[in-house]
Amino acid sequence: MDGVPAGDPAMPLVRKTHQTIRKVTEDISVRF
C-alpha cells in the first residue's frame, strides 16, 4: 500500500484487494 498514495486512481483496487482478503479469511476460518 505504500506504493499507492491516498486518492490515487489505483486505490479502489487496493481497497477491494484488502476487502477480499478479509472476506475470504472470514469465510474460510469462521463461517466455513
PDB file of all heavy atoms in Angstrom:
ATOM      1  N   MET A   1       0.820  -1.204   0.000  1.00  0.00           N
ATOM      2  CA  MET A   1       0.000   0.000   0.000  1.00  0.00           C
ATOM      3  C   MET A   1       0.855   1.254   0.000  1.00  0.00           C
ATOM      4  O   MET A   1       0.405   2.299  -0.440  1.00  0.00           O
ATOM      5  CB  MET A   1      -0.930   0.000   1.199  1.00  0.00           C
ATOM      6  CG  MET A   1      -2.104  -0.926   1.007  1.00  0.00           C
ATOM      7  SD  MET A   1      -3.306  -0.830   2.317  1.00  0.00           S
ATOM      8  CE  MET A   1      -3.667   0.896   2.401  1.00  0.00           C
ATOM      9  N   ASP A   2       2.096   1.146   0.480  1.00  0.00           N
ATOM     10  CA  ASP A   2       2.936   2.332   0.485  1.00  0.00           C
ATOM     11  C   ASP A   2       3.269   2.787  -0.936  1.00  0.00           C
ATOM     12  O   ASP A   2       3.660   3.918  -1.149  1.00  0.00           O
ATOM     13  CB  ASP A   2       4.216   2.090   1.290  1.00  0.00           C
ATOM     14  CG  ASP A   2       5.007   0.877   0.806  1.00  0.00           C
ATOM     15  OD1 ASP A   2       4.451   0.048   0.055  1.00  0.00           O
ATOM     16  OD2 ASP A   2       6.180   0.768   1.192  1.00  0.00           O
ATOM     17  N   GLY A   3       3.068   1.900  -1.921  1.00  0.00           N
ATOM     18  CA  GLY A   3       3.297   2.263  -3.312  1.00  0.00           C
ATOM     19  C   GLY A   3       2.096   2.926  -3.953  1.00  0.00           C
ATOM     20  O   GLY A   3       2.140   3.322  -5.101  1.00  0.00           O
ATOM     21  N   VAL A   4       1.001   3.052  -3.213  1.00  0.00           N
ATOM     22  CA  VAL A   4      -0.229   3.639  -3.738  1.00  0.00           C
ATOM     23  C   VAL A   4      -0.672   4.756  -2.798  1.00  0.00           C
ATOM     24  O   VAL A   4      -1.224   4.501  -1.730  1.00  0.00           O
ATOM     25  CB  VAL A   4      -1.341   2.573  -3.865  1.00  0.00           C
ATOM     26  CG1 VAL A   4      -2.584   3.185  -4.481  1.00  0.00           C
ATOM     27  CG2 VAL A   4      -0.867   1.389  -4.692  1.00  0.00           C
ATOM     28  N   PRO A   5      -0.438   6.010  -3.181  1.00  0.00           N
ATOM     29  CA  PRO A   5      -0.844   7.119  -2.312  1.00  0.00           C
ATOM     30  C   PRO A   5      -2.366   7.266  -2.253  1.00  0.00           C
ATOM     31  O   PRO A   5      -3.073   6.917  -3.195  1.00  0.00           O
ATOM     32  CB  PRO A   5      -0.201   8.346  -2.972  1.00  0.00           C
ATOM     33  CG  PRO A   5       0.184   7.933  -4.341  1.00  0.00           C
ATOM     34  CD  PRO A   5       0.260   6.438  -4.379  1.00  0.00           C
ATOM     35  N   ALA A   6      -2.849   7.782  -1.128  1.00  0.00           N
ATOM     36  CA  ALA A   6      -4.285   8.022  -0.965  1.00  0.00           C
ATOM     37  C   ALA A   6      -4.773   8.937  -2.083  1.00  0.00           C
ATOM     38  O   ALA A   6      -4.094   9.878  -2.473  1.00  0.00           O
ATOM     39  CB  ALA A   6      -4.551   8.652   0.399  1.00  0.00           C
ATOM     40  N   GLY A   7      -5.936   8.641  -2.605  1.00  0.00           N
ATOM     41  CA  GLY A   7      -6.509   9.454  -3.672  1.00  0.00           C
ATOM     42  C   GLY A   7      -6.053   9.048  -5.064  1.00  0.00           C
ATOM     43  O   GLY A   7      -6.562   9.550  -6.057  1.00  0.00           O
ATOM     44  N   ASP A   8      -5.105   8.139  -5.152  1.00  0.00           N
ATOM     45  CA  ASP A   8      -4.624   7.664  -6.450  1.00  0.00           C
ATOM     46  C   ASP A   8      -5.713   6.827  -7.125  1.00  0.00           C
ATOM     47  O   ASP A   8      -6.492   6.155  -6.448  1.00  0.00           O
ATOM     48  CB  ASP A   8      -3.352   6.816  -6.235  1.00  0.00           C
ATOM     49  CG  ASP A   8      -2.662   6.498  -7.540  1.00  0.00           C
ATOM     50  OD1 ASP A   8      -3.088   5.523  -8.202  1.00  0.00           O
ATOM     51  OD2 ASP A   8      -1.709   7.212  -7.899  1.00  0.00           O
ATOM     52  N   PRO A   9      -5.778   6.857  -8.458  1.00  0.00           N
ATOM     53  CA  PRO A   9      -6.778   6.038  -9.161  1.00  0.00           C
ATOM     54  C   PRO A   9      -6.656   4.535  -8.878  1.00  0.00           C
ATOM     55  O   PRO A   9      -7.609   3.788  -9.097  1.00  0.00           O
ATOM     56  CB  PRO A   9      -6.501   6.333 -10.643  1.00  0.00           C
ATOM     57  CG  PRO A   9      -5.791   7.636 -10.657  1.00  0.00           C
ATOM     58  CD  PRO A   9      -5.035   7.726  -9.365  1.00  0.00           C
ATOM     59  N   ALA A  10      -5.507   4.085  -8.372  1.00  0.00           N
ATOM     60  CA  ALA A  10      -5.324   2.664  -8.076  1.00  0.00           C
ATOM     61  C   ALA A  10      -5.874   2.279  -6.705  1.00  0.00           C
ATOM     62  O   ALA A  10      -5.998   1.089  -6.399  1.00  0.00           O
ATOM     63  CB  ALA A  10      -3.839   2.307  -8.153  1.00  0.00           C
ATOM     64  N   MET A  11      -6.197   3.272  -5.881  1.00  0.00           N
ATOM     65  CA  MET A  11      -6.638   2.972  -4.514  1.00  0.00           C
ATOM     66  C   MET A  11      -7.896   2.112  -4.447  1.00  0.00           C
ATOM     67  O   MET A  11      -7.997   1.249  -3.573  1.00  0.00           O
ATOM     68  CB  MET A  11      -6.811   4.265  -3.718  1.00  0.00           C
ATOM     69  CG  MET A  11      -7.008   3.999  -2.237  1.00  0.00           C
ATOM     70  SD  MET A  11      -5.819   2.861  -1.497  1.00  0.00           S
ATOM     71  CE  MET A  11      -4.510   3.967  -1.103  1.00  0.00           C
ATOM     72  N   PRO A  12      -8.893   2.255  -5.335  1.00  0.00           N
ATOM     73  CA  PRO A  12     -10.051   1.353  -5.262  1.00  0.00           C
ATOM     74  C   PRO A  12      -9.665  -0.132  -5.424  1.00  0.00           C
ATOM     75  O   PRO A  12     -10.257  -0.980  -4.768  1.00  0.00           O
ATOM     76  CB  PRO A  12     -10.954   1.824  -6.404  1.00  0.00           C
ATOM     77  CG  PRO A  12     -10.613   3.283  -6.557  1.00  0.00           C
ATOM     78  CD  PRO A  12      -9.134   3.367  -6.277  1.00  0.00           C
ATOM     79  N   LEU A  13      -8.671  -0.420  -6.262  1.00  0.00           N
ATOM     80  CA  LEU A  13      -8.231  -1.809  -6.407  1.00  0.00           C
ATOM     81  C   LEU A  13      -7.540  -2.289  -5.135  1.00  0.00           C
ATOM     82  O   LEU A  13      -7.745  -3.425  -4.696  1.00  0.00           O
ATOM     83  CB  LEU A  13      -7.310  -1.977  -7.620  1.00  0.00           C
ATOM     84  CG  LEU A  13      -6.774  -3.392  -7.842  1.00  0.00           C
ATOM     85  CD1 LEU A  13      -7.912  -4.399  -8.026  1.00  0.00           C
ATOM     86  CD2 LEU A  13      -5.830  -3.418  -9.044  1.00  0.00           C
ATOM     87  N   VAL A  14      -6.725  -1.447  -4.520  1.00  0.00           N
ATOM     88  CA  VAL A  14      -6.077  -1.804  -3.256  1.00  0.00           C
ATOM     89  C   VAL A  14      -7.140  -2.066  -2.192  1.00  0.00           C
ATOM     90  O   VAL A  14      -7.086  -3.060  -1.460  1.00  0.00           O
ATOM     91  CB  VAL A  14      -5.096  -0.693  -2.797  1.00  0.00           C
ATOM     92  CG1 VAL A  14      -4.576  -0.962  -1.397  1.00  0.00           C
ATOM     93  CG2 VAL A  14      -3.948  -0.566  -3.777  1.00  0.00           C
ATOM     94  N   ARG A  15      -8.127  -1.188  -2.122  1.00  0.00           N
ATOM     95  CA  ARG A  15      -9.207  -1.339  -1.144  1.00  0.00           C
ATOM     96  C   ARG A  15      -9.966  -2.651  -1.377  1.00  0.00           C
ATOM     97  O   ARG A  15     -10.219  -3.410  -0.436  1.00  0.00           O
ATOM     98  CB  ARG A  15     -10.147  -0.140  -1.228  1.00  0.00           C
ATOM     99  CG  ARG A  15     -11.139  -0.052  -0.099  1.00  0.00           C
ATOM    100  CD  ARG A  15     -11.948   1.257  -0.114  1.00  0.00           C
ATOM    101  NE  ARG A  15     -11.071   2.419   0.016  1.00  0.00           N
ATOM    102  CZ  ARG A  15     -10.871   3.328  -0.933  1.00  0.00           C
ATOM    103  NH1 ARG A  15     -11.482   3.233  -2.090  1.00  0.00           N
ATOM    104  NH2 ARG A  15     -10.071   4.349  -0.727  1.00  0.00           N
ATOM    105  N   LYS A  16     -10.311  -2.925  -2.626  1.00  0.00           N
ATOM    106  CA  LYS A  16     -11.036  -4.163  -2.956  1.00  0.00           C
ATOM    107  C   LYS A  16     -10.182  -5.393  -2.634  1.00  0.00           C
ATOM    108  O   LYS A  16     -10.706  -6.413  -2.167  1.00  0.00           O
ATOM    109  CB  LYS A  16     -11.438  -4.159  -4.440  1.00  0.00           C
ATOM    110  CG  LYS A  16     -12.163  -5.401  -4.886  1.00  0.00           C
ATOM    111  CD  LYS A  16     -13.510  -5.537  -4.217  1.00  0.00           C
ATOM    112  CE  LYS A  16     -14.282  -6.711  -4.824  1.00  0.00           C
ATOM    113  NZ  LYS A  16     -15.554  -6.923  -4.158  1.00  0.00           N
ATOM    114  N   THR A  17      -8.885  -5.304  -2.861  1.00  0.00           N
ATOM    115  CA  THR A  17      -7.996  -6.422  -2.542  1.00  0.00           C
ATOM    116  C   THR A  17      -8.040  -6.726  -1.053  1.00  0.00           C
ATOM    117  O   THR A  17      -8.202  -7.879  -0.644  1.00  0.00           O
ATOM    118  CB  THR A  17      -6.553  -6.110  -2.991  1.00  0.00           C
ATOM    119  OG1 THR A  17      -6.547  -5.910  -4.410  1.00  0.00           O
ATOM    120  CG2 THR A  17      -5.613  -7.249  -2.635  1.00  0.00           C
ATOM    121  N   HIS A  18      -7.944  -5.688  -0.225  1.00  0.00           N
ATOM    122  CA  HIS A  18      -7.962  -5.893   1.225  1.00  0.00           C
ATOM    123  C   HIS A  18      -9.340  -6.345   1.714  1.00  0.00           C
ATOM    124  O   HIS A  18      -9.431  -7.179   2.633  1.00  0.00           O
ATOM    125  CB  HIS A  18      -7.483  -4.639   1.958  1.00  0.00           C
ATOM    126  CG  HIS A  18      -6.001  -4.482   1.866  1.00  0.00           C
ATOM    127  ND1 HIS A  18      -5.135  -5.084   2.740  1.00  0.00           N
ATOM    128  CD2 HIS A  18      -5.225  -3.831   0.962  1.00  0.00           C
ATOM    129  CE1 HIS A  18      -3.898  -4.794   2.399  1.00  0.00           C
ATOM    130  NE2 HIS A  18      -3.922  -4.034   1.317  1.00  0.00           N
ATOM    131  N   GLN A  19     -10.393  -5.852   1.103  1.00  0.00           N
ATOM    132  CA  GLN A  19     -11.735  -6.318   1.451  1.00  0.00           C
ATOM    133  C   GLN A  19     -11.895  -7.801   1.102  1.00  0.00           C
ATOM    134  O   GLN A  19     -12.496  -8.566   1.864  1.00  0.00           O
ATOM    135  CB  GLN A  19     -12.794  -5.490   0.710  1.00  0.00           C
ATOM    136  CG  GLN A  19     -12.924  -4.085   1.216  1.00  0.00           C
ATOM    137  CD  GLN A  19     -13.785  -3.206   0.309  1.00  0.00           C
ATOM    138  OE1 GLN A  19     -14.100  -3.565  -0.829  1.00  0.00           O
ATOM    139  NE2 GLN A  19     -14.160  -2.036   0.819  1.00  0.00           N
ATOM    140  N   THR A  20     -11.316  -8.197  -0.031  1.00  0.00           N
ATOM    141  CA  THR A  20     -11.395  -9.597  -0.450  1.00  0.00           C
ATOM    142  C   THR A  20     -10.596 -10.485   0.491  1.00  0.00           C
ATOM    143  O   THR A  20     -11.068 -11.566   0.873  1.00  0.00           O
ATOM    144  CB  THR A  20     -10.901  -9.751  -1.906  1.00  0.00           C
ATOM    145  OG1 THR A  20     -11.693  -8.916  -2.753  1.00  0.00           O
ATOM    146  CG2 THR A  20     -10.997 -11.198  -2.372  1.00  0.00           C
ATOM    147  N   ILE A  21      -9.413 -10.055   0.870  1.00  0.00           N
ATOM    148  CA  ILE A  21      -8.615 -10.844   1.816  1.00  0.00           C
ATOM    149  C   ILE A  21      -9.406 -11.032   3.109  1.00  0.00           C
ATOM    150  O   ILE A  21      -9.472 -12.150   3.648  1.00  0.00           O
ATOM    151  CB  ILE A  21      -7.254 -10.164   2.092  1.00  0.00           C
ATOM    152  CG1 ILE A  21      -6.392 -10.166   0.829  1.00  0.00           C
ATOM    153  CG2 ILE A  21      -6.522 -10.876   3.234  1.00  0.00           C
ATOM    154  CD1 ILE A  21      -5.151  -9.273   0.933  1.00  0.00           C
ATOM    155  N   ARG A  22     -10.007  -9.967   3.602  1.00  0.00           N
ATOM    156  CA  ARG A  22     -10.789 -10.069   4.834  1.00  0.00           C
ATOM    157  C   ARG A  22     -11.960 -11.033   4.668  1.00  0.00           C
ATOM    158  O   ARG A  22     -12.197 -11.898   5.516  1.00  0.00           O
ATOM    159  CB  ARG A  22     -11.298  -8.689   5.241  1.00  0.00           C
ATOM    160  CG  ARG A  22     -12.113  -8.728   6.501  1.00  0.00           C
ATOM    161  CD  ARG A  22     -12.587  -7.356   6.900  1.00  0.00           C
ATOM    162  NE  ARG A  22     -13.327  -7.460   8.147  1.00  0.00           N
ATOM    163  CZ  ARG A  22     -13.880  -6.455   8.748  1.00  0.00           C
ATOM    164  NH1 ARG A  22     -13.781  -5.230   8.246  1.00  0.00           N
ATOM    165  NH2 ARG A  22     -14.548  -6.625   9.858  1.00  0.00           N
ATOM    166  N   LYS A  23     -12.701 -10.884   3.582  1.00  0.00           N
ATOM    167  CA  LYS A  23     -13.882 -11.732   3.351  1.00  0.00           C
ATOM    168  C   LYS A  23     -13.489 -13.191   3.220  1.00  0.00           C
ATOM    169  O   LYS A  23     -14.107 -14.068   3.826  1.00  0.00           O
ATOM    170  CB  LYS A  23     -14.609 -11.262   2.090  1.00  0.00           C
ATOM    171  CG  LYS A  23     -15.771 -12.152   1.674  1.00  0.00           C
ATOM    172  CD  LYS A  23     -17.073 -11.497   1.929  1.00  0.00           C
ATOM    173  CE  LYS A  23     -18.269 -12.205   1.360  1.00  0.00           C
ATOM    174  NZ  LYS A  23     -18.453 -13.577   1.720  1.00  0.00           N
ATOM    175  N   VAL A  24     -12.460 -13.482   2.439  1.00  0.00           N
ATOM    176  CA  VAL A  24     -12.039 -14.864   2.237  1.00  0.00           C
ATOM    177  C   VAL A  24     -11.516 -15.450   3.548  1.00  0.00           C
ATOM    178  O   VAL A  24     -11.820 -16.599   3.890  1.00  0.00           O
ATOM    179  CB  VAL A  24     -10.983 -14.962   1.111  1.00  0.00           C
ATOM    180  CG1 VAL A  24     -10.374 -16.348   1.035  1.00  0.00           C
ATOM    181  CG2 VAL A  24     -11.614 -14.586  -0.226  1.00  0.00           C
ATOM    182  N   THR A  25     -10.767 -14.666   4.297  1.00  0.00           N
ATOM    183  CA  THR A  25     -10.258 -15.123   5.590  1.00  0.00           C
ATOM    184  C   THR A  25     -11.409 -15.513   6.511  1.00  0.00           C
ATOM    185  O   THR A  25     -11.402 -16.587   7.120  1.00  0.00           O
ATOM    186  CB  THR A  25      -9.390 -14.033   6.243  1.00  0.00           C
ATOM    187  OG1 THR A  25      -8.299 -13.731   5.370  1.00  0.00           O
ATOM    188  CG2 THR A  25      -8.851 -14.478   7.587  1.00  0.00           C
ATOM    189  N   GLU A  26     -12.411 -14.660   6.602  1.00  0.00           N
ATOM    190  CA  GLU A  26     -13.565 -14.953   7.456  1.00  0.00           C
ATOM    191  C   GLU A  26     -14.400 -16.110   6.919  1.00  0.00           C
ATOM    192  O   GLU A  26     -14.859 -16.958   7.685  1.00  0.00           O
ATOM    193  CB  GLU A  26     -14.420 -13.701   7.615  1.00  0.00           C
ATOM    194  CG  GLU A  26     -13.741 -12.624   8.436  1.00  0.00           C
ATOM    195  CD  GLU A  26     -14.476 -11.294   8.444  1.00  0.00           C
ATOM    196  OE1 GLU A  26     -15.519 -11.165   7.758  1.00  0.00           O
ATOM    197  OE2 GLU A  26     -13.993 -10.377   9.134  1.00  0.00           O
ATOM    198  N   ASP A  27     -14.588 -16.156   5.602  1.00  0.00           N
ATOM    199  CA  ASP A  27     -15.380 -17.237   5.014  1.00  0.00           C
ATOM    200  C   ASP A  27     -14.729 -18.602   5.234  1.00  0.00           C
ATOM    201  O   ASP A  27     -15.426 -19.595   5.451  1.00  0.00           O
ATOM    202  CB  ASP A  27     -15.586 -17.015   3.513  1.00  0.00           C
ATOM    203  CG  ASP A  27     -16.629 -15.955   3.217  1.00  0.00           C
ATOM    204  OD1 ASP A  27     -17.354 -15.544   4.147  1.00  0.00           O
ATOM    205  OD2 ASP A  27     -16.721 -15.537   2.055  1.00  0.00           O
ATOM    206  N   ILE A  28     -13.408 -18.647   5.178  1.00  0.00           N
ATOM    207  CA  ILE A  28     -12.713 -19.923   5.344  1.00  0.00           C
ATOM    208  C   ILE A  28     -12.584 -20.284   6.821  1.00  0.00           C
ATOM    209  O   ILE A  28     -12.897 -21.408   7.219  1.00  0.00           O
ATOM    210  CB  ILE A  28     -11.325 -19.890   4.667  1.00  0.00           C
ATOM    211  CG1 ILE A  28     -11.493 -19.885   3.139  1.00  0.00           C
ATOM    212  CG2 ILE A  28     -10.478 -21.083   5.096  1.00  0.00           C
ATOM    213  CD1 ILE A  28     -10.192 -19.742   2.379  1.00  0.00           C
ATOM    214  N   SER A  29     -12.127 -19.347   7.640  1.00  0.00           N
ATOM    215  CA  SER A  29     -11.776 -19.702   9.018  1.00  0.00           C
ATOM    216  C   SER A  29     -12.913 -19.576  10.026  1.00  0.00           C
ATOM    217  O   SER A  29     -12.866 -20.210  11.072  1.00  0.00           O
ATOM    218  CB  SER A  29     -10.593 -18.859   9.484  1.00  0.00           C
ATOM    219  OG  SER A  29     -10.944 -17.494   9.525  1.00  0.00           O
ATOM    220  N   VAL A  30     -13.934 -18.796   9.726  1.00  0.00           N
ATOM    221  CA  VAL A  30     -15.012 -18.584  10.696  1.00  0.00           C
ATOM    222  C   VAL A  30     -16.311 -19.229  10.223  1.00  0.00           C
ATOM    223  O   VAL A  30     -16.910 -20.033  10.926  1.00  0.00           O
ATOM    224  CB  VAL A  30     -15.231 -17.067  10.955  1.00  0.00           C
ATOM    225  CG1 VAL A  30     -16.385 -16.836  11.908  1.00  0.00           C
ATOM    226  CG2 VAL A  30     -13.959 -16.436  11.489  1.00  0.00           C
ATOM    227  N   ARG A  31     -16.738 -18.878   9.017  1.00  0.00           N
ATOM    228  CA  ARG A  31     -18.049 -19.319   8.538  1.00  0.00           C
ATOM    229  C   ARG A  31     -18.016 -20.660   7.797  1.00  0.00           C
ATOM    230  O   ARG A  31     -19.041 -21.286   7.625  1.00  0.00           O
ATOM    231  CB  ARG A  31     -18.653 -18.253   7.618  1.00  0.00           C
ATOM    232  CG  ARG A  31     -18.910 -16.948   8.324  1.00  0.00           C
ATOM    233  CD  ARG A  31     -19.412 -15.811   7.427  1.00  0.00           C
ATOM    234  NE  ARG A  31     -19.462 -16.049   6.024  1.00  0.00           N
ATOM    235  CZ  ARG A  31     -20.580 -16.086   5.289  1.00  0.00           C
ATOM    236  NH1 ARG A  31     -21.742 -15.907   5.846  1.00  0.00           N
ATOM    237  NH2 ARG A  31     -20.530 -16.286   3.990  1.00  0.00           N
ATOM    238  N   PHE A  32     -16.850 -21.063   7.321  1.00  0.00           N
ATOM    239  CA  PHE A  32     -16.689 -22.299   6.540  1.00  0.00           C
ATOM    240  C   PHE A  32     -17.555 -22.289   5.282  1.00  0.00           C
ATOM    241  O   PHE A  32     -18.083 -23.311   4.873  1.00  0.00           O
ATOM    242  CB  PHE A  32     -16.985 -23.552   7.383  1.00  0.00           C
ATOM    243  CG  PHE A  32     -16.192 -23.623   8.632  1.00  0.00           C
ATOM    244  CD1 PHE A  32     -16.792 -23.495   9.863  1.00  0.00           C
ATOM    245  CD2 PHE A  32     -14.817 -23.796   8.581  1.00  0.00           C
ATOM    246  CE1 PHE A  32     -16.055 -23.539  11.025  1.00  0.00           C
ATOM    247  CE2 PHE A  32     -14.069 -23.849   9.734  1.00  0.00           C
ATOM    248  CZ  PHE A  32     -14.682 -23.724  10.958  1.00  0.00           C
TER     249      PHE A  32
END
